[in-house]
Amino acid sequence: MENIIFLVLDYLCPKTGSTMFQIGNTIVSEELIENDFVCNLTACKGACCVGGEYGAPLEDAETEILVDIFSDVKPYLRPEGIDAIMKQGAFIKGEDGEWETPLVNNSECAYVVFSEQGIAKCGLEAAYTDGATTWKKPISCHLYPVRTRKYSEFTAVNYHKWEICDPACSLGKELKVPIYKFVKEALIKKFGEAWYQELEQVVLENSK
């Protein structure tokens, strides 16, 4: 048990010294409470969907969903994205052995579309918003900047810091929106309403 806990703590707070707390079978970094965040697409242009070397992490069940809804989502995608999906598949296995979305030219996610202003947006979410599907997008995207990692007895819930999101940190601080509130919908989707209520209770107790 102790070895598992130390593994989780090392993943949660490498070099940060941040503390954490437990809710059910999750170990949560206090950085979700202590840091603010609100996406600022005007400033970052949706860089998180374009930057990096890997696609969006996918859960096992999500791989099946992507296959099932592809025909409904296809009209919302770019030709380049459709071509990448047709060649690579609706999902691929990454270098770490985990499932992820395919990329276009080792750059942006194949499901990304661009607005007239050059802002990267999610084609999956566009299809969902239009009512073409009932699935919004991968939970890893919905949760960002929160990342989770499942261990045998715990799930680590951590804040993933990325310099391209500095504008989101600034806007969040200006609007006074902590990370856990910004991703409330996604956290509830991932862990449930009762879990989120317990998180709010932790925040309340720490503020006294």
Protein backbone atom coordinates (compact mmCIF):
# COMPACT_ATOMS: atom_id res chain seq x y z
CA MET A 1 0.00 0.00 0.00
CA GLU A 2 2.73 2.49 0.97
CA ASN A 3 4.61 1.94 -2.28
CA ILE A 4 1.48 2.71 -4.27
CA ILE A 5 0.90 5.90 -2.31
CA PHE A 6 4.47 7.09 -2.89
CA LEU A 7 4.11 6.43 -6.62
CA VAL A 8 0.97 8.53 -6.72
CA LEU A 9 2.50 11.36 -4.71
CA ASP A 10 5.54 11.46 -6.99
CA TYR A 11 3.28 11.72 -10.02
CA LEU A 12 1.06 14.33 -8.44
CA CYS A 13 3.65 16.79 -7.30
CA PRO A 14 7.05 16.27 -8.88
CA LYS A 15 9.34 19.12 -7.75
CA THR A 16 6.37 21.27 -6.65
CA GLY A 17 6.12 20.46 -2.97
CA SER A 18 2.36 20.78 -3.24
CA THR A 19 0.21 18.85 -0.79
CA MET A 20 -2.70 16.58 -1.64
CA PHE A 21 -5.78 15.02 -0.13
CA GLN A 22 -7.84 11.89 -0.63
CA ILE A 23 -11.44 11.62 -1.84
CA GLY A 24 -12.60 8.03 -2.09
CA ASN A 25 -10.12 6.21 -4.31
CA THR A 26 -8.58 9.41 -5.68
CA ILE A 27 -5.56 11.40 -4.55
CA VAL A 28 -6.08 15.05 -5.48
CA SER A 29 -3.45 17.77 -5.72
CA GLU A 30 -4.30 20.96 -3.86
CA GLU A 31 -3.07 22.83 -6.92
CA LEU A 32 -6.58 22.36 -8.34
CA ILE A 33 -7.78 24.61 -5.54
CA GLU A 34 -4.81 26.95 -5.25
CA ASN A 35 -4.45 27.84 -8.96
CA ASP A 36 -6.83 29.70 -11.26
CA PHE A 37 -7.59 28.89 -14.89
CA VAL A 38 -9.97 30.00 -17.65
CA CYS A 39 -9.22 29.17 -21.29
CA ASN A 40 -8.36 32.28 -23.29
CA LEU A 41 -8.76 31.15 -26.90
CA THR A 42 -8.23 34.64 -28.27
CA ALA A 43 -4.74 34.59 -26.84
CA CYS A 44 -3.66 30.96 -27.21
CA LYS A 45 -5.58 30.10 -30.41
CA GLY A 46 -6.35 26.65 -29.03
CA ALA A 47 -2.67 25.69 -28.96
CA CYS A 48 -3.27 22.68 -26.70
CA CYS A 49 -4.98 20.93 -29.63
CA VAL A 50 -2.03 21.64 -31.91
CA GLY A 51 1.10 21.64 -29.75
CA GLY A 52 2.89 18.62 -28.41
CA GLU A 53 3.89 15.34 -30.02
CA TYR A 54 0.96 13.14 -29.05
CA GLY A 55 -2.78 12.94 -29.58
CA ALA A 56 -5.38 13.32 -26.87
CA PRO A 57 -5.35 10.42 -24.36
CA LEU A 58 -8.35 8.10 -24.74
CA GLU A 59 -10.07 5.70 -22.39
CA ASP A 60 -10.84 2.21 -23.70
CA ALA A 61 -14.57 2.89 -24.06
CA GLU A 62 -13.87 6.11 -25.94
CA THR A 63 -12.06 4.27 -28.73
CA GLU A 64 -15.28 2.41 -29.55
CA ILE A 65 -17.26 5.65 -29.46
CA LEU A 66 -14.93 7.30 -31.96
CA VAL A 67 -15.43 4.43 -34.38
CA ASP A 68 -19.20 4.44 -33.94
CA ILE A 69 -19.68 8.19 -34.45
CA PHE A 70 -17.15 8.77 -37.22
CA SER A 71 -19.75 8.97 -39.99
CA ASP A 72 -21.70 11.56 -37.97
CA VAL A 73 -18.60 13.57 -37.13
CA LYS A 74 -16.99 13.40 -40.57
CA PRO A 75 -18.92 16.40 -42.04
CA TYR A 76 -17.44 18.59 -39.30
CA LEU A 77 -13.81 17.65 -39.93
CA ARG A 78 -11.17 19.04 -42.28
CA PRO A 79 -10.10 16.99 -45.31
CA GLU A 80 -6.65 16.64 -43.73
CA GLY A 81 -8.17 15.26 -40.55
CA ILE A 82 -10.41 12.83 -42.40
CA ASP A 83 -7.45 11.61 -44.43
CA ALA A 84 -5.37 11.04 -41.28
CA ILE A 85 -8.20 9.08 -39.68
CA MET A 86 -8.79 6.99 -42.77
CA LYS A 87 -5.08 6.09 -42.93
CA GLN A 88 -4.32 5.69 -39.22
CA GLY A 89 -7.70 4.80 -37.77
CA ALA A 90 -10.14 6.63 -35.49
CA PHE A 91 -7.62 6.08 -32.68
CA ILE A 92 -4.05 4.83 -32.38
CA LYS A 93 -1.78 3.33 -29.74
CA GLY A 94 0.84 5.80 -28.57
CA GLU A 95 4.47 5.20 -27.74
CA ASP A 96 3.52 4.67 -24.10
CA GLY A 97 1.13 1.88 -25.08
CA GLU A 98 -1.98 3.96 -24.32
CA TRP A 99 -4.76 4.92 -26.74
CA GLU A 100 -4.80 8.40 -28.24
CA THR A 101 -6.24 10.36 -31.16
CA PRO A 102 -4.30 10.36 -34.46
CA LEU A 103 -2.43 13.47 -35.63
CA VAL A 104 -2.18 15.36 -38.90
CA ASN A 105 1.48 15.50 -39.96
CA ASN A 106 2.61 14.79 -36.40
CA SER A 107 1.09 18.10 -35.35
CA GLU A 108 -2.56 18.90 -34.61
CA CYS A 109 -5.17 16.37 -33.54
CA ALA A 110 -7.01 14.88 -36.52
CA TYR A 111 -10.31 15.99 -35.01
CA VAL A 112 -9.26 19.66 -34.87
CA VAL A 113 -10.90 22.29 -37.07
CA PHE A 114 -9.92 25.95 -37.43
CA SER A 115 -12.10 29.04 -37.24
CA GLU A 116 -11.74 31.97 -39.62
CA GLN A 117 -9.60 33.61 -36.94
CA GLY A 118 -7.24 30.63 -36.95
CA ILE A 119 -8.40 29.32 -33.59
CA ALA A 120 -8.16 25.54 -33.20
CA LYS A 121 -11.43 23.98 -32.05
CA CYS A 122 -12.74 20.45 -31.59
CA GLY A 123 -14.70 18.95 -34.48
CA LEU A 124 -16.12 16.35 -32.11
CA GLU A 125 -17.53 19.09 -29.89
CA ALA A 126 -18.92 20.93 -32.94
CA ALA A 127 -20.85 17.80 -33.93
CA TYR A 128 -22.10 17.41 -30.37
CA THR A 129 -23.21 21.05 -30.17
CA ASP A 130 -25.17 20.62 -33.39
CA GLY A 131 -26.89 17.54 -32.01
CA ALA A 132 -25.22 15.20 -34.50
CA THR A 133 -23.82 13.10 -31.62
CA THR A 134 -24.44 12.66 -27.90
CA TRP A 135 -20.74 12.50 -26.95
CA LYS A 136 -18.91 15.77 -26.43
CA LYS A 137 -15.22 14.87 -26.60
CA PRO A 138 -12.57 12.74 -24.85
CA ILE A 139 -12.64 13.18 -21.09
CA SER A 140 -8.92 14.04 -21.14
CA CYS A 141 -9.71 17.10 -23.28
CA HIS A 142 -12.77 17.99 -21.22
CA LEU A 143 -10.74 17.85 -18.00
CA TYR A 144 -7.74 19.85 -19.17
CA PRO A 145 -5.65 21.29 -17.47
CA VAL A 146 -6.43 18.45 -15.08
CA ARG A 147 -4.78 15.13 -15.84
CA THR A 148 -5.58 11.79 -14.22
CA ARG A 149 -3.60 8.58 -13.93
CA LYS A 150 -5.06 5.34 -12.66
CA TYR A 151 -3.06 3.09 -10.37
CA SER A 152 -4.13 -0.27 -8.97
CA GLU A 153 -5.72 1.25 -5.87
CA PHE A 154 -5.85 4.99 -6.55
CA THR A 155 -6.43 7.50 -9.30
CA ALA A 156 -4.13 10.52 -9.22
CA VAL A 157 -5.77 13.84 -10.06
CA ASN A 158 -3.20 16.47 -10.96
CA TYR A 159 -2.78 19.91 -12.48
CA HIS A 160 -0.82 19.74 -15.74
CA LYS A 161 1.18 22.93 -16.23
CA TRP A 162 2.01 23.97 -19.79
CA GLU A 163 3.46 27.35 -20.75
CA ILE A 164 1.09 27.72 -23.70
CA CYS A 165 -1.68 28.00 -21.12
CA ASP A 166 -0.14 31.02 -19.36
CA PRO A 167 -2.90 33.26 -20.83
CA ALA A 168 -5.49 30.94 -19.27
CA CYS A 169 -3.77 31.23 -15.89
CA SER A 170 -3.77 35.02 -16.17
CA LEU A 171 -7.43 35.16 -17.18
CA GLY A 172 -8.40 32.73 -14.43
CA LYS A 173 -6.60 34.87 -11.87
CA GLU A 174 -8.33 37.99 -13.18
CA LEU A 175 -11.76 36.33 -13.02
CA LYS A 176 -10.92 34.47 -9.78
CA VAL A 177 -11.91 31.04 -11.11
CA PRO A 178 -9.98 28.16 -9.52
CA ILE A 179 -9.18 25.14 -11.67
CA TYR A 180 -11.63 22.83 -9.90
CA LYS A 181 -14.49 25.20 -10.77
CA PHE A 182 -13.38 25.68 -14.36
CA VAL A 183 -13.51 21.92 -14.98
CA LYS A 184 -16.52 21.22 -12.74
CA GLU A 185 -18.61 19.63 -15.50
CA ALA A 186 -15.76 17.35 -16.53
CA LEU A 187 -14.89 16.35 -12.96
CA ILE A 188 -18.50 15.40 -12.32
CA LYS A 189 -18.56 13.45 -15.57
CA LYS A 190 -15.41 11.60 -14.56
CA PHE A 191 -15.98 11.02 -10.85
CA GLY A 192 -19.64 11.79 -10.14
CA GLU A 193 -21.69 14.47 -8.36
CA ALA A 194 -21.03 13.08 -4.87
CA TRP A 195 -17.28 13.17 -5.45
CA TYR A 196 -17.43 16.81 -6.53
CA GLN A 197 -19.54 17.74 -3.53
CA GLU A 198 -16.90 16.20 -1.29
CA LEU A 199 -14.26 18.23 -3.12
CA GLU A 200 -16.26 21.40 -2.44
CA GLN A 201 -16.43 20.40 1.23
CA VAL A 202 -12.65 20.11 1.33
CA VAL A 203 -12.38 23.60 -0.15
CA LEU A 204 -14.84 24.95 2.40
CA GLU A 205 -13.00 23.40 5.34
CA ASN A 206 -9.64 24.71 4.10
CA SER A 207 -11.01 28.23 3.78
CA LYS A 208 -12.05 28.44 7.41
